[in-house]
Amino acid sequence: MMRLGRSGSDDETRPENAGGLLRGAGAGRDIGLSVVAHALLFGLFALSFTFGSVTDQARPGTEQAVQAVAVDEAEVEAAIEALEAQQQAAQRERQEELERLEAEREAEAERLAAEREAARAAEEARREAEAEAQRQREAAEQARREAEAAEQARREAEEQARREAEEQARREAEERARREAEEQARREAEEQARREAEAQARREAEEQARREAEERARREAEEQARREAEAQAQARAEAEAQARRVAEARGTFDAAIRQKVERAWTRPAGIPDGLSCVVAVRLGPGGTVLSAQVVRTSGNAAFDRSAETAVRRADPLPMPDEPALAALYRQGVELIFAPDE
């Protein structure tokens, strides 16, 4: 693990420097205690000599003071022993602290070494991975170039094969077209000869047919003219007979209708004699009067109204049974109404 703001040399030397400082501080403290203890001992010895000389000159009763001094020396010895025991305990503590710091320094050094080894291994792995990636990129690029070259070669080969196939197909098509043209020319020549022969035969046949048709048409025309002449003569005779029948029938039925209408007519008061008008009459089945209207007036409105009224009063009017004649009356007839004639 990398530590920011510190170098490896500082991390490695920090526990050792701390141990040296602690050892220096402990040594100074031991020296101070030794100096204090020896100073106390020298002071006691001096005091004991002083009391000894004083004792020689003292008066009776000074024994108690000597005993007090002796007692004080025992306390001093005990104090010195206690100080030495404290010094030894402190020394042991310092030794244990130094051993702990040394163990921590070694553990930190091992950790730093492990981190450096891991970093070195990671760097080597990274460089190896980069090298491998570079090798793979180069291999991929080489494979791509080879694939492109192979694809280019394939396309060129296909293009060459296509051109050769097209050229072969073109030559075959030209040869086939030439043979087909020759065959077509041969067939056209044969067809031309056949058509000319057929045309000649057809012209001869048409000429023969034309002559025969003209002859047949002449005979048919003569026959048709004869039949038409006969038919026209027959039609004229029938028309004349029909006209005579119609005229006779019309004369008969027109007279009957006029008589019936005149019998149904009532002369209006005050009209002059000799008036006449034409009334258009439309008849239904059985002579039923469907309508009656003056289409040419007499000049006298009362006479005209009396004519229309007479036609309606004469309903039904006489009507032929023959369908052809009845159809004429159903289409409408114009009745000349002149009762005074």
C-alpha atoms as a PDB file:
ATOM      1  CA  MET A   1       0.000   0.000   0.000  1.00  0.00           C
ATOM      2  CA  MET A   2       1.386   3.446  -0.970  1.00  0.00           C
ATOM      3  CA  ARG A   3       1.536   6.176   1.724  1.00  0.00           C
ATOM      4  CA  LEU A   4       1.067   9.740   0.465  1.00  0.00           C
ATOM      5  CA  GLY A   5       3.398  12.434   1.846  1.00  0.00           C
ATOM      6  CA  ARG A   6       5.939   9.977   3.275  1.00  0.00           C
ATOM      7  CA  SER A   7       8.849   8.111   1.781  1.00  0.00           C
ATOM      8  CA  GLY A   8       9.663   4.500   2.477  1.00  0.00           C
ATOM      9  CA  SER A   9      12.907   5.438   4.171  1.00  0.00           C
ATOM     10  CA  ASP A  10      10.997   7.593   6.712  1.00  0.00           C
ATOM     11  CA  ASP A  11       8.560   4.721   7.428  1.00  0.00           C
ATOM     12  CA  GLU A  12      11.398   2.260   7.875  1.00  0.00           C
ATOM     13  CA  THR A  13      13.504   4.461  10.165  1.00  0.00           C
ATOM     14  CA  ARG A  14      10.706   5.921  12.284  1.00  0.00           C
ATOM     15  CA  PRO A  15      10.350   2.964  14.745  1.00  0.00           C
ATOM     16  CA  GLU A  16      14.150   2.638  15.061  1.00  0.00           C
ATOM     17  CA  ASN A  17      14.547   6.347  15.752  1.00  0.00           C
ATOM     18  CA  ALA A  18      11.747   6.184  18.295  1.00  0.00           C
ATOM     19  CA  GLY A  19      13.514   3.288  20.024  1.00  0.00           C
ATOM     20  CA  GLY A  20      16.783   5.236  20.085  1.00  0.00           C
ATOM     21  CA  LEU A  21      15.075   8.261  21.610  1.00  0.00           C
ATOM     22  CA  LEU A  22      13.397   6.109  24.239  1.00  0.00           C
ATOM     23  CA  ARG A  23      16.709   4.402  25.019  1.00  0.00           C
ATOM     24  CA  GLY A  24      18.429   7.812  25.357  1.00  0.00           C
ATOM     25  CA  ALA A  25      15.656   9.125  27.615  1.00  0.00           C
ATOM     26  CA  GLY A  26      15.784   5.979  29.751  1.00  0.00           C
ATOM     27  CA  ALA A  27      19.575   6.150  30.058  1.00  0.00           C
ATOM     28  CA  GLY A  28      19.380   9.798  31.188  1.00  0.00           C
ATOM     29  CA  ARG A  29      16.744   8.942  33.733  1.00  0.00           C
ATOM     30  CA  ASP A  30      18.898   6.042  35.083  1.00  0.00           C
ATOM     31  CA  ILE A  31      21.926   8.298  35.377  1.00  0.00           C
ATOM     32  CA  GLY A  32      19.866  10.903  37.247  1.00  0.00           C
ATOM     33  CA  LEU A  33      18.596   8.309  39.730  1.00  0.00           C
ATOM     34  CA  SER A  34      22.108   6.981  40.291  1.00  0.00           C
ATOM     35  CA  VAL A  35      23.416  10.453  40.925  1.00  0.00           C
ATOM     36  CA  VAL A  36      20.588  11.163  43.399  1.00  0.00           C
ATOM     37  CA  ALA A  37      21.144   7.835  45.212  1.00  0.00           C
ATOM     38  CA  HIS A  38      24.921   8.375  45.538  1.00  0.00           C
ATOM     39  CA  ALA A  39      24.358  11.922  46.668  1.00  0.00           C
ATOM     40  CA  LEU A  40      22.094  10.645  49.427  1.00  0.00           C
ATOM     41  CA  LEU A  41      24.667   8.021  50.443  1.00  0.00           C
ATOM     42  CA  PHE A  42      27.488  10.579  50.586  1.00  0.00           C
ATOM     43  CA  GLY A  43      25.252  12.863  52.586  1.00  0.00           C
ATOM     44  CA  LEU A  44      24.496  10.102  55.079  1.00  0.00           C
ATOM     45  CA  PHE A  45      28.154   9.148  55.429  1.00  0.00           C
ATOM     46  CA  ALA A  46      29.113  12.726  56.043  1.00  0.00           C
ATOM     47  CA  LEU A  47      26.360  13.094  58.560  1.00  0.00           C
ATOM     48  CA  SER A  48      27.418   9.908  60.325  1.00  0.00           C
ATOM     49  CA  PHE A  49      31.005  11.159  60.621  1.00  0.00           C
ATOM     50  CA  THR A  50      29.782  14.419  61.927  1.00  0.00           C
ATOM     51  CA  PHE A  51      27.646  12.762  64.536  1.00  0.00           C
ATOM     52  CA  GLY A  52      30.511  10.419  65.458  1.00  0.00           C
ATOM     53  CA  SER A  53      32.847  13.265  66.254  1.00  0.00           C
ATOM     54  CA  VAL A  54      30.137  15.078  68.065  1.00  0.00           C
ATOM     55  CA  THR A  55      29.371  11.957  70.091  1.00  0.00           C
ATOM     56  CA  ASP A  56      32.894  11.765  71.339  1.00  0.00           C
ATOM     57  CA  GLN A  57      32.530  15.219  72.758  1.00  0.00           C
ATOM     58  CA  ALA A  58      28.892  15.048  73.723  1.00  0.00           C
ATOM     59  CA  ARG A  59      27.452  15.033  76.943  1.00  0.00           C
ATOM     60  CA  PRO A  60      25.599  12.130  78.446  1.00  0.00           C
ATOM     61  CA  GLY A  61      22.167  11.924  76.854  1.00  0.00           C
ATOM     62  CA  THR A  62      23.222  12.184  73.243  1.00  0.00           C
ATOM     63  CA  GLU A  63      22.726   8.431  72.506  1.00  0.00           C
ATOM     64  CA  GLN A  64      19.209   9.052  71.421  1.00  0.00           C
ATOM     65  CA  ALA A  65      20.426  11.341  68.649  1.00  0.00           C
ATOM     66  CA  VAL A  66      22.834   8.712  67.378  1.00  0.00           C
ATOM     67  CA  GLN A  67      20.076   6.152  67.190  1.00  0.00           C
ATOM     68  CA  ALA A  68      17.947   8.575  65.236  1.00  0.00           C
ATOM     69  CA  VAL A  69      20.692   8.987  62.715  1.00  0.00           C
ATOM     70  CA  ALA A  70      21.059   5.225  62.389  1.00  0.00           C
ATOM     71  CA  VAL A  71      17.379   4.853  61.833  1.00  0.00           C
ATOM     72  CA  ASP A  72      17.504   7.460  59.153  1.00  0.00           C
ATOM     73  CA  GLU A  73      20.247   5.563  57.336  1.00  0.00           C
ATOM     74  CA  ALA A  74      18.081   2.422  57.248  1.00  0.00           C
ATOM     75  CA  GLU A  75      15.290   4.432  55.719  1.00  0.00           C
ATOM     76  CA  VAL A  76      17.727   5.827  53.222  1.00  0.00           C
ATOM     77  CA  GLU A  77      18.888   2.350  52.311  1.00  0.00           C
ATOM     78  CA  ALA A  78      15.277   1.275  51.938  1.00  0.00           C
ATOM     79  CA  ALA A  79      14.600   4.284  49.799  1.00  0.00           C
ATOM     80  CA  ILE A  80      17.659   3.512  47.721  1.00  0.00           C
ATOM     81  CA  GLU A  81      16.519  -0.063  47.296  1.00  0.00           C
ATOM     82  CA  ALA A  82      13.047   1.154  46.320  1.00  0.00           C
ATOM     83  CA  LEU A  83      14.610   3.545  43.844  1.00  0.00           C
ATOM     84  CA  GLU A  84      16.737   0.760  42.425  1.00  0.00           C
ATOM     85  CA  ALA A  85      13.643  -1.487  42.194  1.00  0.00           C
ATOM     86  CA  GLN A  86      11.784   1.313  40.403  1.00  0.00           C
ATOM     87  CA  GLN A  87      14.804   1.799  38.183  1.00  0.00           C
ATOM     88  CA  GLN A  88      14.867  -1.912  37.320  1.00  0.00           C
ATOM     89  CA  ALA A  89      11.056  -1.912  36.714  1.00  0.00           C
ATOM     90  CA  ALA A  90      11.396   1.167  34.519  1.00  0.00           C
ATOM     91  CA  GLN A  91      14.279  -0.467  32.707  1.00  0.00           C
ATOM     92  CA  ARG A  92      12.183  -3.585  32.125  1.00  0.00           C
ATOM     93  CA  GLU A  93       9.320  -1.414  30.878  1.00  0.00           C
ATOM     94  CA  ARG A  94      11.713   0.398  28.577  1.00  0.00           C
ATOM     95  CA  GLN A  95      13.057  -2.905  27.341  1.00  0.00           C
ATOM     96  CA  GLU A  96       9.556  -4.197  26.729  1.00  0.00           C
ATOM     97  CA  GLU A  97       8.616  -0.900  24.984  1.00  0.00           C
ATOM     98  CA  LEU A  98      11.741  -1.194  22.871  1.00  0.00           C
ATOM     99  CA  GLU A  99      10.930  -4.795  21.998  1.00  0.00           C
ATOM    100  CA  ARG A 100       7.342  -3.809  21.102  1.00  0.00           C
ATOM    101  CA  LEU A 101       8.555  -0.906  18.974  1.00  0.00           C
ATOM    102  CA  GLU A 102      11.116  -3.184  17.328  1.00  0.00           C
ATOM    103  CA  ALA A 103       8.375  -5.708  16.556  1.00  0.00           C
ATOM    104  CA  GLU A 104       6.180  -2.945  15.131  1.00  0.00           C
ATOM    105  CA  ARG A 105       9.092  -1.640  13.082  1.00  0.00           C
ATOM    106  CA  GLU A 106       9.763  -5.104  11.700  1.00  0.00           C
ATOM    107  CA  ALA A 107       6.039  -5.635  10.979  1.00  0.00           C
ATOM    108  CA  GLU A 108       5.864  -2.219   9.248  1.00  0.00           C
ATOM    109  CA  ALA A 109       9.012  -3.053   7.291  1.00  0.00           C
ATOM    110  CA  GLU A 110       7.539  -6.406   6.280  1.00  0.00           C
ATOM    111  CA  ARG A 111       4.274  -4.687   5.306  1.00  0.00           C
ATOM    112  CA  LEU A 112       6.113  -2.093   3.263  1.00  0.00           C
ATOM    113  CA  ALA A 113       8.190  -4.802   1.649  1.00  0.00           C
ATOM    114  CA  ALA A 114       5.010  -6.769   0.876  1.00  0.00           C
ATOM    115  CA  GLU A 115       3.413  -3.637  -0.565  1.00  0.00           C
ATOM    116  CA  ARG A 116       6.509  -2.937  -2.659  1.00  0.00           C
ATOM    117  CA  GLU A 117       6.522  -6.558  -3.839  1.00  0.00           C
ATOM    118  CA  ALA A 118       2.814  -6.408  -4.611  1.00  0.00           C
ATOM    119  CA  ALA A 119       3.296  -3.103  -6.435  1.00  0.00           C
ATOM    120  CA  ARG A 120       6.236  -4.550  -8.340  1.00  0.00           C
ATOM    121  CA  ALA A 121       4.201  -7.679  -9.190  1.00  0.00           C
ATOM    122  CA  ALA A 122       1.221  -5.521 -10.217  1.00  0.00           C
ATOM    123  CA  GLU A 123       3.478  -3.344 -12.357  1.00  0.00           C
ATOM    124  CA  GLU A 124       5.020  -6.443 -13.940  1.00  0.00           C
ATOM    125  CA  ALA A 125       1.527  -7.881 -14.475  1.00  0.00           C
ATOM    126  CA  ARG A 126       0.395  -4.557 -15.978  1.00  0.00           C
ATOM    127  CA  ARG A 127       3.399  -4.391 -18.265  1.00  0.00           C
ATOM    128  CA  GLU A 128       2.866  -8.046 -19.203  1.00  0.00           C
ATOM    129  CA  ALA A 129      -0.856  -7.393 -19.816  1.00  0.00           C
ATOM    130  CA  GLU A 130       0.009  -4.345 -21.921  1.00  0.00           C
ATOM    131  CA  ALA A 131       2.555  -6.386 -23.826  1.00  0.00           C
ATOM    132  CA  GLU A 132       0.020  -9.176 -24.292  1.00  0.00           C
ATOM    133  CA  ALA A 133      -2.619  -6.665 -25.387  1.00  0.00           C
ATOM    134  CA  GLN A 134      -0.111  -5.165 -27.808  1.00  0.00           C
ATOM    135  CA  ARG A 135       0.706  -8.639 -29.114  1.00  0.00           C
ATOM    136  CA  GLN A 136      -3.011  -9.359 -29.488  1.00  0.00           C
ATOM    137  CA  ARG A 137      -3.561  -6.022 -31.255  1.00  0.00           C
ATOM    138  CA  GLU A 138      -0.666  -6.733 -33.560  1.00  0.00           C
ATOM    139  CA  ALA A 139      -1.974 -10.260 -34.165  1.00  0.00           C
ATOM    140  CA  ALA A 140      -5.464  -8.906 -34.794  1.00  0.00           C
ATOM    141  CA  GLU A 141      -4.077  -6.272 -37.149  1.00  0.00           C
ATOM    142  CA  GLN A 142      -2.038  -8.925 -38.931  1.00  0.00           C
ATOM    143  CA  ALA A 143      -5.105 -11.159 -39.148  1.00  0.00           C
ATOM    144  CA  ARG A 144      -7.145  -8.215 -40.419  1.00  0.00           C
ATOM    145  CA  ARG A 145      -4.570  -7.390 -43.075  1.00  0.00           C
ATOM    146  CA  GLU A 146      -4.393 -11.050 -44.076  1.00  0.00           C
ATOM    147  CA  ALA A 147      -8.207 -11.252 -44.159  1.00  0.00           C
ATOM    148  CA  GLU A 148      -8.366  -8.096 -46.243  1.00  0.00           C
ATOM    149  CA  ALA A 149      -5.728  -9.461 -48.568  1.00  0.00           C
ATOM    150  CA  ALA A 150      -7.615 -12.759 -48.820  1.00  0.00           C
ATOM    151  CA  GLU A 151     -10.885 -10.895 -49.411  1.00  0.00           C
ATOM    152  CA  GLN A 152      -9.227  -8.748 -52.058  1.00  0.00           C
ATOM    153  CA  ALA A 153      -7.800 -11.838 -53.707  1.00  0.00           C
ATOM    154  CA  ARG A 154     -11.214 -13.513 -53.534  1.00  0.00           C
ATOM    155  CA  ARG A 155     -12.921 -10.476 -55.061  1.00  0.00           C
ATOM    156  CA  GLU A 156     -10.307 -10.264 -57.783  1.00  0.00           C
ATOM    157  CA  ALA A 157     -10.684 -13.972 -58.491  1.00  0.00           C
ATOM    158  CA  GLU A 158     -14.460 -13.633 -58.573  1.00  0.00           C
ATOM    159  CA  GLU A 159     -14.203 -10.577 -60.819  1.00  0.00           C
ATOM    160  CA  GLN A 160     -11.830 -12.447 -63.134  1.00  0.00           C
ATOM    161  CA  ALA A 161     -14.137 -15.457 -63.174  1.00  0.00           C
ATOM    162  CA  ARG A 162     -17.118 -13.170 -63.791  1.00  0.00           C
ATOM    163  CA  ARG A 163     -15.385 -11.438 -66.689  1.00  0.00           C
ATOM    164  CA  GLU A 164     -14.357 -14.776 -68.176  1.00  0.00           C
ATOM    165  CA  ALA A 165     -17.883 -16.124 -67.732  1.00  0.00           C
ATOM    166  CA  GLU A 166     -19.345 -12.991 -69.305  1.00  0.00           C
ATOM    167  CA  GLU A 167     -16.926 -13.250 -72.199  1.00  0.00           C
ATOM    168  CA  GLN A 168     -17.758 -16.917 -72.656  1.00  0.00           C
ATOM    169  CA  ALA A 169     -21.478 -16.139 -72.430  1.00  0.00           C
ATOM    170  CA  ARG A 170     -21.038 -13.297 -74.927  1.00  0.00           C
ATOM    171  CA  ARG A 171     -19.245 -15.558 -77.420  1.00  0.00           C
ATOM    172  CA  GLU A 172     -21.859 -18.271 -76.952  1.00  0.00           C
ATOM    173  CA  ALA A 173     -24.660 -15.712 -77.335  1.00  0.00           C
ATOM    174  CA  GLU A 174     -23.075 -14.343 -80.500  1.00  0.00           C
ATOM    175  CA  GLU A 175     -22.677 -17.851 -81.901  1.00  0.00           C
ATOM    176  CA  ARG A 176     -26.227 -18.718 -80.920  1.00  0.00           C
ATOM    177  CA  ALA A 177     -27.494 -15.449 -82.424  1.00  0.00           C
ATOM    178  CA  ARG A 178     -25.602 -16.188 -85.655  1.00  0.00           C
ATOM    179  CA  ARG A 179     -27.051 -19.688 -85.890  1.00  0.00           C
ATOM    180  CA  GLU A 180     -30.515 -18.354 -85.031  1.00  0.00           C
ATOM    181  CA  ALA A 181     -30.166 -15.623 -87.647  1.00  0.00           C
ATOM    182  CA  GLU A 182     -29.169 -18.179 -90.258  1.00  0.00           C
ATOM    183  CA  GLU A 183     -32.040 -20.419 -89.223  1.00  0.00           C
ATOM    184  CA  GLN A 184     -34.390 -17.441 -89.202  1.00  0.00           C
ATOM    185  CA  ALA A 185     -33.233 -16.422 -92.680  1.00  0.00           C
ATOM    186  CA  ARG A 186     -33.744 -19.982 -93.931  1.00  0.00           C
ATOM    187  CA  ARG A 187     -37.204 -20.161 -92.370  1.00  0.00           C
ATOM    188  CA  GLU A 188     -38.099 -16.730 -93.748  1.00  0.00           C
ATOM    189  CA  ALA A 189     -36.973 -17.754 -97.224  1.00  0.00           C
ATOM    190  CA  GLU A 190     -39.014 -20.916 -96.995  1.00  0.00           C
ATOM    191  CA  GLU A 191     -41.944 -18.954 -95.589  1.00  0.00           C
ATOM    192  CA  GLN A 192     -41.609 -16.382 -98.363  1.00  0.00           C
ATOM    193  CA  ALA A 193     -41.638 -19.099-100.979  1.00  0.00           C
ATOM    194  CA  ARG A 194     -44.582 -20.755 -99.283  1.00  0.00           C
ATOM    195  CA  ARG A 195     -46.474 -17.444 -99.049  1.00  0.00           C
ATOM    196  CA  GLU A 196     -45.772 -16.676-102.689  1.00  0.00           C
ATOM    197  CA  ALA A 197     -47.001 -20.114-103.684  1.00  0.00           C
ATOM    198  CA  GLU A 198     -50.034 -19.734-101.495  1.00  0.00           C
ATOM    199  CA  ALA A 199     -50.619 -16.221-102.807  1.00  0.00           C
ATOM    200  CA  GLN A 200     -50.480 -17.478-106.357  1.00  0.00           C
ATOM    201  CA  ALA A 201     -52.838 -20.317-105.554  1.00  0.00           C
ATOM    202  CA  ARG A 202     -55.041 -17.928-103.623  1.00  0.00           C
ATOM    203  CA  ARG A 203     -55.141 -15.433-106.482  1.00  0.00           C
ATOM    204  CA  GLU A 204     -56.091 -18.190-108.890  1.00  0.00           C
ATOM    205  CA  ALA A 205     -58.677 -19.492-106.466  1.00  0.00           C
ATOM    206  CA  GLU A 206     -59.951 -15.995-105.823  1.00  0.00           C
ATOM    207  CA  GLU A 207     -60.210 -15.341-109.516  1.00  0.00           C
ATOM    208  CA  GLN A 208     -62.110 -18.574-109.975  1.00  0.00           C
ATOM    209  CA  ALA A 209     -64.260 -17.758-106.967  1.00  0.00           C
ATOM    210  CA  ARG A 210     -64.783 -14.228-108.231  1.00  0.00           C
ATOM    211  CA  ARG A 211     -65.983 -15.472-111.581  1.00  0.00           C
ATOM    212  CA  GLU A 212     -68.210 -18.009-109.908  1.00  0.00           C
ATOM    213  CA  ALA A 213     -69.438 -15.406-107.421  1.00  0.00           C
ATOM    214  CA  GLU A 214     -70.167 -12.956-110.166  1.00  0.00           C
ATOM    215  CA  GLU A 215     -72.107 -15.580-112.002  1.00  0.00           C
ATOM    216  CA  ARG A 216     -73.909 -16.593-108.862  1.00  0.00           C
ATOM    217  CA  ALA A 217     -74.521 -12.979-107.920  1.00  0.00           C
ATOM    218  CA  ARG A 218     -75.888 -12.285-111.369  1.00  0.00           C
ATOM    219  CA  ARG A 219     -78.253 -15.214-111.126  1.00  0.00           C
ATOM    220  CA  GLU A 220     -79.191 -14.308-107.519  1.00  0.00           C
ATOM    221  CA  ALA A 221     -79.704 -10.682-108.521  1.00  0.00           C
ATOM    222  CA  GLU A 222     -81.957 -11.713-111.335  1.00  0.00           C
ATOM    223  CA  GLU A 223     -83.831 -14.048-108.979  1.00  0.00           C
ATOM    224  CA  GLN A 224     -83.953 -11.376-106.285  1.00  0.00           C
ATOM    225  CA  ALA A 225     -85.214  -8.820-108.803  1.00  0.00           C
ATOM    226  CA  ARG A 226     -87.870 -11.249-109.964  1.00  0.00           C
ATOM    227  CA  ARG A 227     -88.924 -12.015-106.355  1.00  0.00           C
ATOM    228  CA  GLU A 228     -88.899  -8.343-105.413  1.00  0.00           C
ATOM    229  CA  ALA A 229     -90.965  -7.502-108.463  1.00  0.00           C
ATOM    230  CA  GLU A 230     -93.399 -10.203-107.508  1.00  0.00           C
ATOM    231  CA  ALA A 231     -93.346  -9.118-103.868  1.00  0.00           C
ATOM    232  CA  GLN A 232     -93.852  -5.501-104.794  1.00  0.00           C
ATOM    233  CA  ALA A 233     -96.738  -6.456-107.029  1.00  0.00           C
ATOM    234  CA  GLN A 234     -98.182  -8.602-104.232  1.00  0.00           C
ATOM    235  CA  ALA A 235     -97.609  -5.800-101.702  1.00  0.00           C
ATOM    236  CA  ARG A 236     -99.227  -3.251-103.949  1.00  0.00           C
ATOM    237  CA  ALA A 237    -102.206  -5.502-104.434  1.00  0.00           C
ATOM    238  CA  GLU A 238    -102.425  -6.182-100.680  1.00  0.00           C
ATOM    239  CA  ALA A 239    -101.954  -2.497 -99.861  1.00  0.00           C
ATOM    240  CA  GLU A 240    -104.586  -1.520-102.301  1.00  0.00           C
ATOM    241  CA  ALA A 241    -106.944  -4.145-100.888  1.00  0.00           C
ATOM    242  CA  GLN A 242    -106.095  -3.062 -97.316  1.00  0.00           C
ATOM    243  CA  ALA A 243    -106.569   0.562 -98.225  1.00  0.00           C
ATOM    244  CA  ARG A 244    -109.899  -0.293 -99.737  1.00  0.00           C
ATOM    245  CA  ARG A 245    -110.863  -2.255 -96.612  1.00  0.00           C
ATOM    246  CA  VAL A 246    -109.656   0.498 -94.313  1.00  0.00           C
ATOM    247  CA  ALA A 247    -111.331   3.157 -96.343  1.00  0.00           C
ATOM    248  CA  GLU A 248    -114.544   1.184 -96.389  1.00  0.00           C
ATOM    249  CA  ALA A 249    -114.231   0.450 -92.648  1.00  0.00           C
ATOM    250  CA  ARG A 250    -113.302   3.995 -91.820  1.00  0.00           C
ATOM    251  CA  GLY A 251    -116.123   5.285 -93.857  1.00  0.00           C
ATOM    252  CA  THR A 252    -118.518   2.912 -92.153  1.00  0.00           C
ATOM    253  CA  PHE A 253    -117.244   3.493 -88.572  1.00  0.00           C
ATOM    254  CA  ASP A 254    -116.633   7.198 -89.061  1.00  0.00           C
ATOM    255  CA  ALA A 255    -120.217   7.581 -90.239  1.00  0.00           C
ATOM    256  CA  ALA A 256    -121.471   5.472 -87.322  1.00  0.00           C
ATOM    257  CA  ILE A 257    -119.454   7.528 -84.830  1.00  0.00           C
ATOM    258  CA  ARG A 258    -120.636  10.787 -86.374  1.00  0.00           C
ATOM    259  CA  GLN A 259    -124.244   9.657 -86.333  1.00  0.00           C
ATOM    260  CA  LYS A 260    -124.066   8.569 -82.681  1.00  0.00           C
ATOM    261  CA  VAL A 261    -122.400  11.807 -81.629  1.00  0.00           C
ATOM    262  CA  GLU A 262    -124.951  13.881 -83.572  1.00  0.00           C
ATOM    263  CA  ARG A 263    -127.783  11.947 -81.937  1.00  0.00           C
ATOM    264  CA  ALA A 264    -126.277  12.750 -78.530  1.00  0.00           C
ATOM    265  CA  TRP A 265    -125.860  16.432 -79.421  1.00  0.00           C
ATOM    266  CA  THR A 266    -128.125  19.097 -78.018  1.00  0.00           C
ATOM    267  CA  ARG A 267    -128.155  22.340 -79.944  1.00  0.00           C
ATOM    268  CA  PRO A 268    -127.372  25.266 -77.699  1.00  0.00           C
ATOM    269  CA  ALA A 269    -129.853  28.122 -77.828  1.00  0.00           C
ATOM    270  CA  GLY A 270    -129.063  31.005 -80.068  1.00  0.00           C
ATOM    271  CA  ILE A 271    -126.336  29.494 -82.203  1.00  0.00           C
ATOM    272  CA  PRO A 272    -126.520  29.980 -85.955  1.00  0.00           C
ATOM    273  CA  ASP A 273    -126.921  27.147 -88.447  1.00  0.00           C
ATOM    274  CA  GLY A 274    -124.103  25.685 -90.534  1.00  0.00           C
ATOM    275  CA  LEU A 275    -121.348  25.730 -87.884  1.00  0.00           C
ATOM    276  CA  SER A 276    -118.693  22.968 -87.793  1.00  0.00           C
ATOM    277  CA  CYS A 277    -115.555  22.089 -85.770  1.00  0.00           C
ATOM    278  CA  VAL A 278    -113.010  19.279 -85.556  1.00  0.00           C
ATOM    279  CA  VAL A 279    -112.854  17.255 -82.317  1.00  0.00           C
ATOM    280  CA  ALA A 280    -109.808  15.048 -81.515  1.00  0.00           C
ATOM    281  CA  VAL A 281    -111.053  11.873 -79.841  1.00  0.00           C
ATOM    282  CA  ARG A 282    -108.892   9.238 -78.140  1.00  0.00           C
ATOM    283  CA  LEU A 283    -110.607   5.895 -77.591  1.00  0.00           C
ATOM    284  CA  GLY A 284    -109.864   3.052 -75.259  1.00  0.00           C
ATOM    285  CA  PRO A 285    -110.809  -0.657 -75.429  1.00  0.00           C
ATOM    286  CA  GLY A 286    -114.380  -1.204 -76.632  1.00  0.00           C
ATOM    287  CA  GLY A 287    -114.706   2.382 -77.912  1.00  0.00           C
ATOM    288  CA  THR A 288    -114.486   4.024 -74.451  1.00  0.00           C
ATOM    289  CA  VAL A 289    -113.994   7.763 -74.818  1.00  0.00           C
ATOM    290  CA  LEU A 290    -110.748   8.654 -73.020  1.00  0.00           C
ATOM    291  CA  SER A 291    -110.636  12.284 -74.119  1.00  0.00           C
ATOM    292  CA  ALA A 292    -112.401  14.738 -76.445  1.00  0.00           C
ATOM    293  CA  GLN A 293    -110.973  18.155 -77.338  1.00  0.00           C
ATOM    294  CA  VAL A 294    -111.771  20.686 -80.087  1.00  0.00           C
ATOM    295  CA  VAL A 295    -108.644  21.132 -82.208  1.00  0.00           C
ATOM    296  CA  ARG A 296    -110.220  23.378 -84.856  1.00  0.00           C
ATOM    297  CA  THR A 297    -112.798  25.738 -83.474  1.00  0.00           C
ATOM    298  CA  SER A 298    -116.020  26.856 -85.113  1.00  0.00           C
ATOM    299  CA  GLY A 299    -115.600  30.350 -83.757  1.00  0.00           C
ATOM    300  CA  ASN A 300    -118.504  29.802 -81.389  1.00  0.00           C
ATOM    301  CA  ALA A 301    -117.456  28.682 -77.920  1.00  0.00           C
ATOM    302  CA  ALA A 302    -120.905  27.370 -77.022  1.00  0.00           C
ATOM    303  CA  PHE A 303    -120.990  25.250 -80.193  1.00  0.00           C
ATOM    304  CA  ASP A 304    -117.487  23.895 -79.477  1.00  0.00           C
ATOM    305  CA  ARG A 305    -118.426  22.951 -75.889  1.00  0.00           C
ATOM    306  CA  SER A 306    -121.626  21.289 -77.105  1.00  0.00           C
ATOM    307  CA  ALA A 307    -119.568  19.203 -79.580  1.00  0.00           C
ATOM    308  CA  GLU A 308    -117.185  17.945 -76.841  1.00  0.00           C
ATOM    309  CA  THR A 309    -120.181  17.224 -74.586  1.00  0.00           C
ATOM    310  CA  ALA A 310    -121.927  15.268 -77.358  1.00  0.00           C
ATOM    311  CA  VAL A 311    -118.797  13.078 -77.829  1.00  0.00           C
ATOM    312  CA  ARG A 312    -118.688  12.237 -74.132  1.00  0.00           C
ATOM    313  CA  ARG A 313    -122.453  11.507 -74.040  1.00  0.00           C
ATOM    314  CA  ALA A 314    -122.109   9.112 -77.006  1.00  0.00           C
ATOM    315  CA  ASP A 315    -119.575   6.972 -74.997  1.00  0.00           C
ATOM    316  CA  PRO A 316    -118.858   4.202 -75.947  1.00  0.00           C
ATOM    317  CA  LEU A 317    -118.387   4.956 -79.640  1.00  0.00           C
ATOM    318  CA  PRO A 318    -118.534   2.350 -82.421  1.00  0.00           C
ATOM    319  CA  MET A 319    -115.100   0.678 -82.935  1.00  0.00           C
ATOM    320  CA  PRO A 320    -113.968  -2.111 -85.334  1.00  0.00           C
ATOM    321  CA  ASP A 321    -113.093  -5.530 -83.933  1.00  0.00           C
ATOM    322  CA  GLU A 322    -110.163  -6.039 -86.291  1.00  0.00           C
ATOM    323  CA  PRO A 323    -106.997  -5.219 -84.276  1.00  0.00           C
ATOM    324  CA  ALA A 324    -105.262  -3.309 -87.073  1.00  0.00           C
ATOM    325  CA  LEU A 325    -108.311  -1.032 -87.583  1.00  0.00           C
ATOM    326  CA  ALA A 326    -108.946  -0.744 -83.837  1.00  0.00           C
ATOM    327  CA  ALA A 327    -105.314   0.358 -83.355  1.00  0.00           C
ATOM    328  CA  LEU A 328    -105.926   3.278 -85.692  1.00  0.00           C
ATOM    329  CA  TYR A 329    -108.880   4.464 -83.618  1.00  0.00           C
ATOM    330  CA  ARG A 330    -107.021   3.931 -80.341  1.00  0.00           C
ATOM    331  CA  GLN A 331    -104.212   6.128 -81.636  1.00  0.00           C
ATOM    332  CA  GLY A 332    -106.826   8.858 -81.987  1.00  0.00           C
ATOM    333  CA  VAL A 333    -109.278  10.133 -84.642  1.00  0.00           C
ATOM    334  CA  GLU A 334    -110.352  13.582 -85.629  1.00  0.00           C
ATOM    335  CA  LEU A 335    -114.110  13.863 -85.910  1.00  0.00           C
ATOM    336  CA  ILE A 336    -115.562  16.610 -88.208  1.00  0.00           C
ATOM    337  CA  PHE A 337    -118.640  17.703 -86.285  1.00  0.00           C
ATOM    338  CA  ALA A 338    -121.162  19.438 -88.704  1.00  0.00           C
ATOM    339  CA  PRO A 339    -124.650  18.512 -87.581  1.00  0.00           C
ATOM    340  CA  ASP A 340    -126.400  20.787 -90.067  1.00  0.00           C
ATOM    341  CA  GLU A 341    -124.899  19.255 -93.202  1.00  0.00           C
END
